[in-house]
Amino acid sequence: MYVYQIFKRCTLIYKRASFWLGIVFNLNPLVLLSRSRRTHFIEVFDSNASYAKKLLVLGIALLIVGSVIVVALTFFFQTEIVTVTSVDMTTTGSYLSDRFRSESGYWLDLSISSNASSTIHVKGQTVGEVFKVDGTTYVYTVPIHQGDVYQIQVENKANYYDWGTFRTVYVNNHISGNFYLKRSPVYLFPLMTLGGIFIAIGIVVIPVSLYVEHNARQRAESIFKCQRCGRNVHIGLETCPFCKLDLTKYWVTCKYCGKFYDSHLEKCPKCGAESEV
């Protein structure tokens, strides 16, 4: 019993010394608070930071989902074939395809070959020639403008000069292959836009949530709840501005009679029960 009393008095002296040393040397107030008062700080912080944590999770989720959408559509999307035109002919002249109209997101995939020197042309009715190349094998992707009418020409360049008739003679040229009018899937642009929006929101939300959580932590470290009225009070005030409680003291409630009294007292002033602080 005697040892217990000495321990209680040493604890009381330590509390008072810690409190005033903290004020004099401007130490971290959280270190000087008892477990119950530190719990008030944690509650204040948790109530404000919980929204920031949810916001952070949302931002990370949007960033991941948006990135997955963009990567999947970039590397794995299937193009749509609008029309396929096949050619297999032998001629001394040129091959001319049927005319076709280009819409938004259309392009040409060429896969045509010839057994003699030729020139391939892709011509638009309004914009004129948009593609031209010489050779015998043509495997190209050609972008075309929206709203124009196009035609493909394979011009035969294989010829020789006949001195007997004094004219240029074109040799037979076998032209074969396909050209494809393709377009992006109708879902590509909306989904790419959605993925971009998700990524943008995630990039904005993540730092904002971290900033909110940082502010919540700083705010939690600068306030605590008054033991009497339960309102938030800034650290450093000596009196609660709401209920006028002396904040330089730590108050407890007697578990026997319910009296609210200074914890520095060894006994409850009303019923005489010993303090358990």
Protein backbone atom coordinates (compact mmCIF):
# COMPACT_ATOMS: atom_id res chain seq x y z
CA MET A 1 0.00 0.00 0.00
CA TYR A 2 2.84 2.34 0.91
CA VAL A 3 4.61 1.61 -2.38
CA TYR A 4 1.37 2.31 -4.27
CA GLN A 5 1.00 5.75 -2.65
CA ILE A 6 4.60 6.64 -3.57
CA PHE A 7 3.94 5.56 -7.15
CA LYS A 8 0.79 7.71 -7.35
CA ARG A 9 2.59 10.79 -6.04
CA CYS A 10 5.49 10.30 -8.48
CA THR A 11 3.00 9.97 -11.30
CA LEU A 12 1.25 13.19 -10.22
CA ILE A 13 4.55 15.09 -10.06
CA TYR A 14 5.52 13.77 -13.49
CA LYS A 15 2.21 14.94 -15.02
CA ARG A 16 2.51 18.43 -13.62
CA ALA A 17 6.18 18.73 -14.60
CA SER A 18 5.46 17.48 -18.14
CA PHE A 19 2.61 19.93 -18.58
CA TRP A 20 4.57 23.02 -17.57
CA LEU A 21 7.78 21.94 -19.33
CA GLY A 22 5.72 21.50 -22.49
CA ILE A 23 4.38 25.03 -22.23
CA VAL A 24 7.78 26.57 -21.41
CA PHE A 25 9.82 24.72 -24.04
CA ASN A 26 7.02 24.47 -26.66
CA LEU A 27 7.13 20.70 -26.86
CA ASN A 28 4.68 18.64 -28.92
CA PRO A 29 1.40 18.84 -26.97
CA LEU A 30 0.44 15.29 -27.99
CA VAL A 31 3.34 13.89 -26.00
CA LEU A 32 2.13 15.63 -22.86
CA LEU A 33 -1.44 14.37 -23.04
CA SER A 34 -2.81 11.37 -21.25
CA ARG A 35 -4.12 8.35 -23.16
CA SER A 36 -7.73 9.48 -22.97
CA ARG A 37 -6.95 12.95 -24.26
CA ARG A 38 -4.78 11.58 -27.07
CA THR A 39 -7.81 9.48 -28.01
CA HIS A 40 -9.70 12.74 -28.63
CA PHE A 41 -7.02 13.78 -31.12
CA ILE A 42 -7.26 10.45 -32.91
CA GLU A 43 -11.06 10.73 -33.14
CA VAL A 44 -10.84 14.22 -34.59
CA PHE A 45 -8.22 13.13 -37.10
CA ASP A 46 -10.10 9.99 -38.13
CA SER A 47 -13.38 11.84 -38.67
CA ASN A 48 -11.70 14.29 -41.07
CA ALA A 49 -9.23 11.93 -42.70
CA SER A 50 -11.76 9.18 -43.45
CA TYR A 51 -13.15 11.22 -46.35
CA ALA A 52 -9.61 11.83 -47.63
CA LYS A 53 -8.84 8.11 -47.53
CA LYS A 54 -12.02 7.29 -49.45
CA LEU A 55 -11.11 9.99 -51.96
CA LEU A 56 -7.61 8.54 -52.31
CA VAL A 57 -9.00 5.04 -52.95
CA LEU A 58 -11.39 6.47 -55.54
CA GLY A 59 -8.57 8.35 -57.28
CA ILE A 60 -6.33 5.27 -57.44
CA ALA A 61 -9.22 3.13 -58.72
CA LEU A 62 -10.08 5.65 -61.46
CA LEU A 63 -6.43 5.92 -62.48
CA ILE A 64 -6.07 2.14 -62.74
CA VAL A 65 -9.37 1.63 -64.59
CA GLY A 66 -8.64 4.48 -67.00
CA SER A 67 -5.13 3.17 -67.71
CA VAL A 68 -6.45 -0.35 -68.34
CA ILE A 69 -9.08 0.98 -70.76
CA VAL A 70 -6.58 3.09 -72.72
CA VAL A 71 -3.94 0.31 -72.89
CA ALA A 72 -6.49 -2.33 -73.88
CA LEU A 73 -7.99 -0.18 -76.63
CA THR A 74 -4.55 0.88 -77.88
CA PHE A 75 -3.05 -2.59 -78.22
CA PHE A 76 -6.00 -5.00 -78.46
CA PHE A 77 -8.89 -3.30 -80.27
CA GLN A 78 -10.22 -4.85 -83.50
CA THR A 79 -10.65 -2.72 -86.60
CA GLU A 80 -13.85 -2.88 -88.59
CA ILE A 81 -13.67 -3.65 -92.31
CA VAL A 82 -16.18 -1.52 -94.21
CA THR A 83 -15.53 -2.91 -97.69
CA VAL A 84 -13.09 -5.30 -99.34
CA THR A 85 -12.26 -4.88 -103.02
CA SER A 86 -10.37 -7.62 -104.86
CA VAL A 87 -8.55 -7.27 -108.13
CA ASP A 88 -7.11 -10.02 -110.38
CA MET A 89 -6.58 -8.89 -113.95
CA THR A 90 -4.05 -8.71 -116.75
CA THR A 91 -3.97 -5.53 -118.74
CA THR A 92 -1.71 -3.35 -120.81
CA GLY A 93 -3.41 -0.31 -119.40
CA SER A 94 -4.28 0.82 -115.88
CA TYR A 95 -6.58 -0.52 -113.23
CA LEU A 96 -9.21 1.86 -111.82
CA SER A 97 -11.28 0.92 -108.78
CA ASP A 98 -14.85 1.93 -108.12
CA ARG A 99 -15.27 5.22 -106.30
CA PHE A 100 -15.95 5.13 -102.57
CA ARG A 101 -16.74 7.72 -99.92
CA SER A 102 -14.67 8.16 -96.79
CA GLU A 103 -16.29 8.88 -93.45
CA SER A 104 -14.88 9.77 -90.04
CA GLY A 105 -12.12 7.41 -88.88
CA TYR A 106 -11.69 5.64 -92.24
CA TRP A 107 -8.38 4.57 -93.78
CA LEU A 108 -7.12 2.30 -96.57
CA ASP A 109 -5.07 -0.86 -96.19
CA LEU A 110 -3.45 -1.76 -99.51
CA SER A 111 -2.20 -5.25 -100.37
CA ILE A 112 -1.69 -5.21 -104.15
CA SER A 113 1.06 -6.60 -106.38
CA SER A 114 1.92 -6.51 -110.05
CA ASN A 115 4.38 -8.48 -112.19
CA ALA A 116 5.69 -5.38 -113.93
CA SER A 117 6.71 -1.88 -112.99
CA SER A 118 3.69 0.16 -111.93
CA THR A 119 2.63 3.23 -109.99
CA ILE A 120 -0.25 3.20 -107.55
CA HIS A 121 -2.29 6.37 -106.96
CA VAL A 122 -4.92 7.17 -104.34
CA LYS A 123 -6.87 10.22 -105.46
CA GLY A 124 -9.62 12.23 -103.81
CA GLN A 125 -12.24 14.08 -105.75
CA THR A 126 -11.72 17.23 -103.68
CA VAL A 127 -8.26 16.95 -102.11
CA GLY A 128 -6.57 15.40 -105.16
CA GLU A 129 -3.82 12.84 -104.96
CA VAL A 130 -3.02 11.79 -101.38
CA PHE A 131 -0.76 8.81 -102.04
CA LYS A 132 1.60 7.77 -104.84
CA VAL A 133 4.38 5.16 -104.95
CA ASP A 134 6.26 3.25 -107.67
CA GLY A 135 7.07 -0.46 -107.53
CA THR A 136 5.55 -3.88 -107.93
CA THR A 137 4.32 -4.69 -104.42
CA TYR A 138 2.17 -2.31 -102.40
CA VAL A 139 1.46 -3.06 -98.76
CA TYR A 140 0.62 0.28 -97.19
CA THR A 141 -1.79 1.98 -94.83
CA VAL A 142 -3.12 5.21 -96.28
CA PRO A 143 -5.03 7.80 -94.23
CA ILE A 144 -7.85 9.49 -96.11
CA HIS A 145 -9.90 12.58 -95.41
CA GLN A 146 -13.46 12.51 -94.15
CA GLY A 147 -16.27 13.28 -96.59
CA ASP A 148 -14.30 12.99 -99.82
CA VAL A 149 -14.78 10.49 -102.68
CA TYR A 150 -11.71 8.41 -103.56
CA GLN A 151 -10.47 6.13 -106.31
CA ILE A 152 -7.45 3.82 -106.56
CA GLN A 153 -5.44 3.60 -109.78
CA VAL A 154 -2.66 1.14 -110.62
CA GLU A 155 -0.85 2.66 -113.58
CA ASN A 156 1.12 0.32 -115.88
CA LYS A 157 4.68 1.57 -116.39
CA ALA A 158 6.04 -1.51 -118.18
CA ASN A 159 6.63 -0.46 -121.80
CA TYR A 160 9.16 -0.29 -124.58
CA TYR A 161 9.58 1.77 -127.74
CA ASP A 162 8.83 -0.03 -131.00
CA TRP A 163 11.07 1.48 -133.67
CA GLY A 164 9.16 -0.33 -136.39
CA THR A 165 5.91 1.46 -135.60
CA PHE A 166 7.54 4.41 -133.84
CA ARG A 167 5.32 4.16 -130.81
CA THR A 168 5.45 3.10 -127.18
CA VAL A 169 4.14 -0.40 -126.53
CA TYR A 170 2.87 -1.42 -123.11
CA VAL A 171 3.38 -5.02 -122.03
CA ASN A 172 0.83 -7.12 -120.21
CA ASN A 173 0.81 -6.44 -116.49
CA HIS A 174 -0.89 -8.85 -114.09
CA ILE A 175 -2.39 -6.95 -111.13
CA SER A 176 -3.77 -8.84 -108.15
CA GLY A 177 -4.57 -8.31 -104.49
CA ASN A 178 -7.03 -6.52 -102.24
CA PHE A 179 -7.58 -3.17 -100.69
CA TYR A 180 -9.58 -2.72 -97.53
CA LEU A 181 -11.57 0.29 -96.45
CA LYS A 182 -11.37 0.18 -92.66
CA ARG A 183 -12.49 2.25 -89.73
CA SER A 184 -12.06 2.36 -85.99
CA PRO A 185 -14.78 0.58 -83.98
CA VAL A 186 -17.68 2.83 -83.04
CA TYR A 187 -16.97 2.21 -79.36
CA LEU A 188 -13.28 3.26 -79.60
CA PHE A 189 -13.63 7.03 -79.29
CA PRO A 190 -16.20 7.03 -76.44
CA LEU A 191 -14.22 4.48 -74.43
CA MET A 192 -10.90 6.21 -75.06
CA THR A 193 -12.50 9.47 -73.96
CA LEU A 194 -13.89 7.79 -70.85
CA GLY A 195 -10.49 6.28 -70.05
CA GLY A 196 -8.82 9.65 -70.49
CA ILE A 197 -11.37 11.28 -68.19
CA PHE A 198 -10.79 8.59 -65.54
CA ILE A 199 -7.02 9.10 -65.74
CA ALA A 200 -7.37 12.89 -65.53
CA ILE A 201 -9.70 12.67 -62.53
CA GLY A 202 -7.37 10.19 -60.82
CA ILE A 203 -4.34 12.42 -61.41
CA VAL A 204 -6.21 15.35 -59.83
CA VAL A 205 -7.94 13.45 -57.01
CA ILE A 206 -4.89 11.59 -55.65
CA PRO A 207 -2.81 14.68 -54.73
CA VAL A 208 -5.93 16.49 -53.52
CA SER A 209 -6.81 13.61 -51.17
CA LEU A 210 -3.24 13.51 -49.86
CA TYR A 211 -3.39 17.25 -49.26
CA VAL A 212 -6.74 16.93 -47.46
CA GLU A 213 -5.39 14.12 -45.29
CA HIS A 214 -2.30 16.20 -44.45
CA ASN A 215 -4.49 19.15 -43.48
CA ALA A 216 -6.72 16.87 -41.41
CA ARG A 217 -3.68 15.56 -39.56
CA GLN A 218 -2.40 19.06 -38.88
CA ARG A 219 -5.83 20.16 -37.73
CA ALA A 220 -6.14 17.12 -35.45
CA GLU A 221 -2.79 17.98 -33.90
CA SER A 222 -3.90 21.53 -33.15
CA ILE A 223 -7.28 20.83 -31.47
CA PHE A 224 -8.81 18.53 -28.91
CA LYS A 225 -12.27 18.05 -27.45
CA CYS A 226 -13.23 19.80 -24.26
CA GLN A 227 -13.88 17.24 -21.54
CA ARG A 228 -16.98 19.04 -20.33
CA CYS A 229 -18.85 20.28 -23.41
CA GLY A 230 -17.18 18.06 -26.05
CA ARG A 231 -16.50 20.90 -28.49
CA ASN A 232 -13.25 21.27 -30.41
CA VAL A 233 -10.79 23.63 -28.72
CA HIS A 234 -7.43 24.82 -30.01
CA ILE A 235 -4.35 23.73 -28.10
CA GLY A 236 -2.81 26.62 -26.16
CA LEU A 237 -6.05 28.03 -24.76
CA GLU A 238 -6.21 28.01 -20.96
CA THR A 239 -10.02 28.18 -20.83
CA CYS A 240 -12.66 26.58 -23.01
CA PRO A 241 -14.39 29.44 -24.89
CA PHE A 242 -17.70 27.58 -24.70
CA CYS A 243 -18.08 26.23 -21.17
CA LYS A 244 -15.20 28.12 -19.48
CA LEU A 245 -13.51 24.92 -18.24
CA ASP A 246 -9.94 25.39 -17.04
CA LEU A 247 -7.91 23.60 -19.73
CA THR A 248 -4.63 23.75 -17.82
CA LYS A 249 -5.98 20.91 -15.71
CA TYR A 250 -7.04 17.42 -16.60
CA TRP A 251 -10.52 16.60 -15.36
CA VAL A 252 -12.02 13.23 -14.51
CA THR A 253 -15.48 11.96 -13.62
CA CYS A 254 -15.93 9.96 -10.44
CA LYS A 255 -17.27 6.55 -11.33
CA TYR A 256 -19.14 6.34 -8.02
CA CYS A 257 -21.00 9.65 -7.73
CA GLY A 258 -20.47 11.21 -11.17
CA LYS A 259 -18.67 14.28 -9.81
CA PHE A 260 -16.50 16.11 -12.37
CA TYR A 261 -13.26 17.19 -10.66
CA ASP A 262 -9.57 18.01 -11.14
CA SER A 263 -7.45 14.89 -11.63
CA HIS A 264 -4.73 16.39 -9.47
CA LEU A 265 -6.92 15.72 -6.47
CA GLU A 266 -6.26 12.37 -4.90
CA LYS A 267 -9.88 11.91 -3.83
CA CYS A 268 -13.30 12.84 -5.15
CA PRO A 269 -14.35 16.03 -3.33
CA LYS A 270 -17.95 14.80 -3.14
CA CYS A 271 -17.83 11.13 -2.11
CA GLY A 272 -14.20 10.74 -1.06
CA ALA A 273 -13.40 7.92 -3.51
CA GLU A 274 -9.74 7.72 -4.47
CA SER A 275 -8.74 8.97 -7.92
CA GLU A 276 -7.64 6.25 -10.33
CA VAL A 277 -5.70 8.52 -12.67
